[in-house]
N, C-alpha and C. Protein backbone atom coordinates (compact mmCIF):
# COMPACT_ATOMS: atom_id res chain seq x y z
N MET A 1 34.57 -35.37 35.14
CA MET A 1 34.06 -36.02 36.31
C MET A 1 33.90 -37.51 36.00
N SER A 2 34.32 -38.35 36.93
CA SER A 2 34.21 -39.79 36.70
C SER A 2 32.75 -40.23 36.81
N ALA A 3 32.48 -41.41 36.29
CA ALA A 3 31.11 -41.93 36.30
C ALA A 3 30.62 -42.16 37.73
N ASN A 4 31.50 -42.64 38.60
CA ASN A 4 31.10 -42.88 40.00
C ASN A 4 30.78 -41.56 40.70
N LEU A 5 31.59 -40.55 40.47
CA LEU A 5 31.35 -39.26 41.10
C LEU A 5 30.04 -38.65 40.62
N LYS A 6 29.75 -38.77 39.34
CA LYS A 6 28.49 -38.27 38.80
C LYS A 6 27.31 -39.00 39.43
N ARG A 7 27.45 -40.30 39.58
CA ARG A 7 26.36 -41.08 40.17
C ARG A 7 26.14 -40.68 41.62
N TYR A 8 27.21 -40.53 42.40
CA TYR A 8 27.07 -40.11 43.80
C TYR A 8 26.48 -38.71 43.91
N PHE A 9 26.88 -37.83 43.02
CA PHE A 9 26.32 -36.48 43.02
C PHE A 9 24.83 -36.52 42.71
N TYR A 10 24.45 -37.34 41.74
CA TYR A 10 23.05 -37.50 41.38
C TYR A 10 22.24 -38.01 42.57
N TYR A 11 22.73 -39.04 43.25
CA TYR A 11 22.02 -39.59 44.40
C TYR A 11 21.95 -38.59 45.56
N PHE A 12 23.01 -37.83 45.76
CA PHE A 12 23.01 -36.81 46.79
C PHE A 12 21.94 -35.76 46.50
N CYS A 13 21.87 -35.28 45.28
CA CYS A 13 20.88 -34.28 44.90
C CYS A 13 19.46 -34.84 45.04
N LEU A 14 19.27 -36.07 44.63
CA LEU A 14 17.96 -36.71 44.74
C LEU A 14 17.54 -36.84 46.19
N PHE A 15 18.49 -37.26 47.04
CA PHE A 15 18.22 -37.39 48.47
C PHE A 15 17.89 -36.04 49.08
N PHE A 16 18.68 -35.03 48.78
CA PHE A 16 18.48 -33.69 49.34
C PHE A 16 17.14 -33.11 48.89
N LEU A 17 16.81 -33.23 47.63
CA LEU A 17 15.56 -32.66 47.11
C LEU A 17 14.33 -33.40 47.61
N SER A 18 14.49 -34.65 48.03
CA SER A 18 13.33 -35.39 48.53
C SER A 18 12.79 -34.78 49.82
N PHE A 19 13.65 -34.05 50.57
CA PHE A 19 13.21 -33.41 51.81
C PHE A 19 12.69 -32.00 51.59
N ALA A 20 12.92 -31.42 50.45
CA ALA A 20 12.54 -30.03 50.22
C ALA A 20 11.03 -29.82 50.28
N GLY A 21 10.26 -30.76 49.82
CA GLY A 21 8.82 -30.62 49.83
C GLY A 21 8.19 -30.92 51.18
N GLN A 22 8.94 -31.50 52.09
CA GLN A 22 8.40 -31.90 53.38
C GLN A 22 8.64 -30.86 54.47
N ALA A 23 9.18 -29.75 54.12
CA ALA A 23 9.58 -28.78 55.13
C ALA A 23 8.41 -28.06 55.78
N GLU A 24 7.21 -28.13 55.21
CA GLU A 24 6.11 -27.34 55.72
C GLU A 24 4.95 -28.17 56.24
N PHE A 25 5.15 -29.42 56.61
CA PHE A 25 4.05 -30.24 57.10
C PHE A 25 3.43 -29.67 58.37
N GLY A 26 4.20 -29.09 59.26
CA GLY A 26 3.69 -28.57 60.51
C GLY A 26 3.30 -27.11 60.47
N ILE A 27 3.27 -26.52 59.29
CA ILE A 27 2.98 -25.09 59.18
C ILE A 27 1.62 -24.89 58.55
N SER A 28 0.76 -24.12 59.22
CA SER A 28 -0.55 -23.77 58.66
C SER A 28 -0.63 -22.25 58.57
N ALA A 29 -1.80 -21.75 58.28
CA ALA A 29 -1.97 -20.30 58.10
C ALA A 29 -1.75 -19.52 59.39
N ASP A 30 -2.03 -20.15 60.55
CA ASP A 30 -1.94 -19.39 61.79
C ASP A 30 -1.05 -20.01 62.87
N LYS A 31 -0.46 -21.19 62.60
CA LYS A 31 0.40 -21.79 63.62
C LYS A 31 1.50 -22.65 63.00
N ILE A 32 2.53 -22.87 63.80
CA ILE A 32 3.63 -23.76 63.46
C ILE A 32 3.63 -24.85 64.52
N THR A 33 3.50 -26.09 64.10
CA THR A 33 3.47 -27.21 65.04
C THR A 33 4.83 -27.89 65.04
N ILE A 34 5.40 -28.04 66.23
CA ILE A 34 6.69 -28.68 66.40
C ILE A 34 6.50 -29.92 67.27
N GLY A 35 7.05 -31.03 66.86
CA GLY A 35 6.94 -32.27 67.62
C GLY A 35 8.17 -32.51 68.46
N MET A 36 7.94 -33.17 69.59
CA MET A 36 9.03 -33.46 70.53
C MET A 36 8.78 -34.84 71.12
N SER A 37 9.75 -35.71 71.04
CA SER A 37 9.66 -37.03 71.64
C SER A 37 10.73 -37.13 72.72
N ASN A 38 10.28 -37.28 73.96
CA ASN A 38 11.22 -37.36 75.07
C ASN A 38 10.57 -38.14 76.21
N PRO A 39 11.37 -38.56 77.19
CA PRO A 39 10.81 -39.35 78.30
C PRO A 39 9.96 -38.48 79.24
N GLN A 40 8.70 -38.81 79.37
CA GLN A 40 7.81 -38.15 80.31
C GLN A 40 7.46 -39.08 81.47
N SER A 41 7.86 -40.33 81.36
CA SER A 41 7.66 -41.32 82.42
C SER A 41 8.90 -42.21 82.47
N GLY A 42 8.97 -43.00 83.51
CA GLY A 42 10.11 -43.90 83.64
C GLY A 42 11.27 -43.25 84.36
N PRO A 43 12.45 -43.88 84.30
CA PRO A 43 13.59 -43.40 85.07
C PRO A 43 14.13 -42.04 84.64
N SER A 44 13.91 -41.64 83.41
CA SER A 44 14.41 -40.35 82.91
C SER A 44 13.32 -39.30 82.85
N ALA A 45 12.21 -39.53 83.51
CA ALA A 45 11.06 -38.62 83.41
C ALA A 45 11.39 -37.21 83.85
N ASN A 46 12.15 -37.06 84.91
CA ASN A 46 12.46 -35.71 85.41
C ASN A 46 13.20 -34.90 84.35
N LEU A 47 14.16 -35.51 83.70
CA LEU A 47 14.91 -34.82 82.65
C LEU A 47 14.01 -34.46 81.48
N GLY A 48 13.20 -35.41 81.03
CA GLY A 48 12.30 -35.16 79.90
C GLY A 48 11.27 -34.08 80.21
N GLN A 49 10.74 -34.08 81.42
CA GLN A 49 9.76 -33.07 81.81
C GLN A 49 10.39 -31.69 81.85
N GLN A 50 11.65 -31.62 82.26
CA GLN A 50 12.35 -30.33 82.28
C GLN A 50 12.60 -29.82 80.86
N PHE A 51 12.96 -30.73 79.94
CA PHE A 51 13.12 -30.33 78.54
C PHE A 51 11.82 -29.77 77.99
N LYS A 52 10.72 -30.48 78.27
CA LYS A 52 9.41 -30.02 77.77
C LYS A 52 9.04 -28.68 78.38
N LEU A 53 9.25 -28.52 79.67
CA LEU A 53 8.95 -27.25 80.34
C LEU A 53 9.75 -26.10 79.74
N GLY A 54 11.03 -26.35 79.46
CA GLY A 54 11.86 -25.32 78.84
C GLY A 54 11.37 -24.94 77.46
N ALA A 55 10.99 -25.94 76.66
CA ALA A 55 10.49 -25.66 75.31
C ALA A 55 9.18 -24.90 75.37
N VAL A 56 8.25 -25.33 76.23
CA VAL A 56 6.95 -24.67 76.34
C VAL A 56 7.13 -23.23 76.82
N THR A 57 8.01 -23.02 77.80
CA THR A 57 8.25 -21.68 78.31
C THR A 57 8.79 -20.76 77.21
N HIS A 58 9.75 -21.26 76.44
CA HIS A 58 10.31 -20.45 75.36
C HIS A 58 9.27 -20.17 74.27
N PHE A 59 8.51 -21.19 73.88
CA PHE A 59 7.50 -20.99 72.84
C PHE A 59 6.42 -20.02 73.30
N ASN A 60 6.04 -20.08 74.57
CA ASN A 60 5.06 -19.12 75.09
C ASN A 60 5.59 -17.70 75.04
N ALA A 61 6.88 -17.52 75.35
CA ALA A 61 7.48 -16.19 75.28
C ALA A 61 7.49 -15.67 73.84
N VAL A 62 7.81 -16.56 72.89
CA VAL A 62 7.80 -16.16 71.48
C VAL A 62 6.38 -15.83 71.04
N ASN A 63 5.41 -16.64 71.47
CA ASN A 63 4.01 -16.40 71.09
C ASN A 63 3.49 -15.09 71.66
N LEU A 64 3.91 -14.72 72.87
CA LEU A 64 3.48 -13.45 73.45
C LEU A 64 4.02 -12.24 72.68
N GLN A 65 5.13 -12.46 71.98
CA GLN A 65 5.72 -11.38 71.17
C GLN A 65 5.21 -11.40 69.73
N GLY A 66 4.20 -12.20 69.47
CA GLY A 66 3.63 -12.23 68.12
C GLY A 66 3.95 -13.46 67.32
N GLY A 67 4.69 -14.38 67.88
CA GLY A 67 5.03 -15.61 67.17
C GLY A 67 6.13 -15.41 66.15
N ILE A 68 6.16 -16.28 65.18
CA ILE A 68 7.13 -16.21 64.08
C ILE A 68 6.37 -15.81 62.82
N ASN A 69 6.65 -14.65 62.33
CA ASN A 69 5.94 -14.09 61.17
C ASN A 69 4.43 -14.14 61.40
N GLY A 70 4.01 -13.86 62.63
CA GLY A 70 2.59 -13.82 62.96
C GLY A 70 1.97 -15.17 63.26
N LYS A 71 2.76 -16.23 63.20
CA LYS A 71 2.25 -17.58 63.45
C LYS A 71 2.65 -18.04 64.85
N LYS A 72 1.70 -18.58 65.59
CA LYS A 72 1.95 -19.08 66.94
C LYS A 72 2.62 -20.45 66.85
N ILE A 73 3.45 -20.75 67.84
CA ILE A 73 4.13 -22.03 67.90
C ILE A 73 3.35 -22.96 68.83
N GLU A 74 3.10 -24.18 68.37
CA GLU A 74 2.41 -25.20 69.16
C GLU A 74 3.35 -26.39 69.32
N LEU A 75 3.45 -26.93 70.52
CA LEU A 75 4.32 -28.08 70.79
C LEU A 75 3.47 -29.31 71.01
N LEU A 76 3.76 -30.36 70.25
CA LEU A 76 3.17 -31.67 70.47
C LEU A 76 4.24 -32.56 71.06
N SER A 77 3.95 -33.14 72.22
CA SER A 77 4.95 -33.93 72.94
C SER A 77 4.52 -35.39 73.00
N LEU A 78 5.46 -36.29 72.76
CA LEU A 78 5.23 -37.72 72.80
C LEU A 78 6.12 -38.33 73.86
N ASP A 79 5.56 -39.15 74.72
CA ASP A 79 6.32 -39.82 75.78
C ASP A 79 6.97 -41.07 75.20
N ASP A 80 8.29 -41.11 75.22
CA ASP A 80 8.99 -42.31 74.78
C ASP A 80 9.76 -42.96 75.92
N GLY A 81 9.38 -42.64 77.16
CA GLY A 81 10.08 -43.16 78.34
C GLY A 81 9.73 -44.51 78.72
């Protein structure tokens, strides 16, 4: 393997592993928190509100069936409109 290829492989592995520890920030003992940033106001508000409604409806259906591995899903929405 050439020196450049080894270096790129090293940086790729370092970059990939830097995200491995961050995978559980929104997970607690009893819930999974998912964030969503979409337009809730402004010219695209109707589209953003429909996306949020669809996500909330789906998450409520999943929660009624027991959630994911017993954990309820919570949606946090941020208006970026």
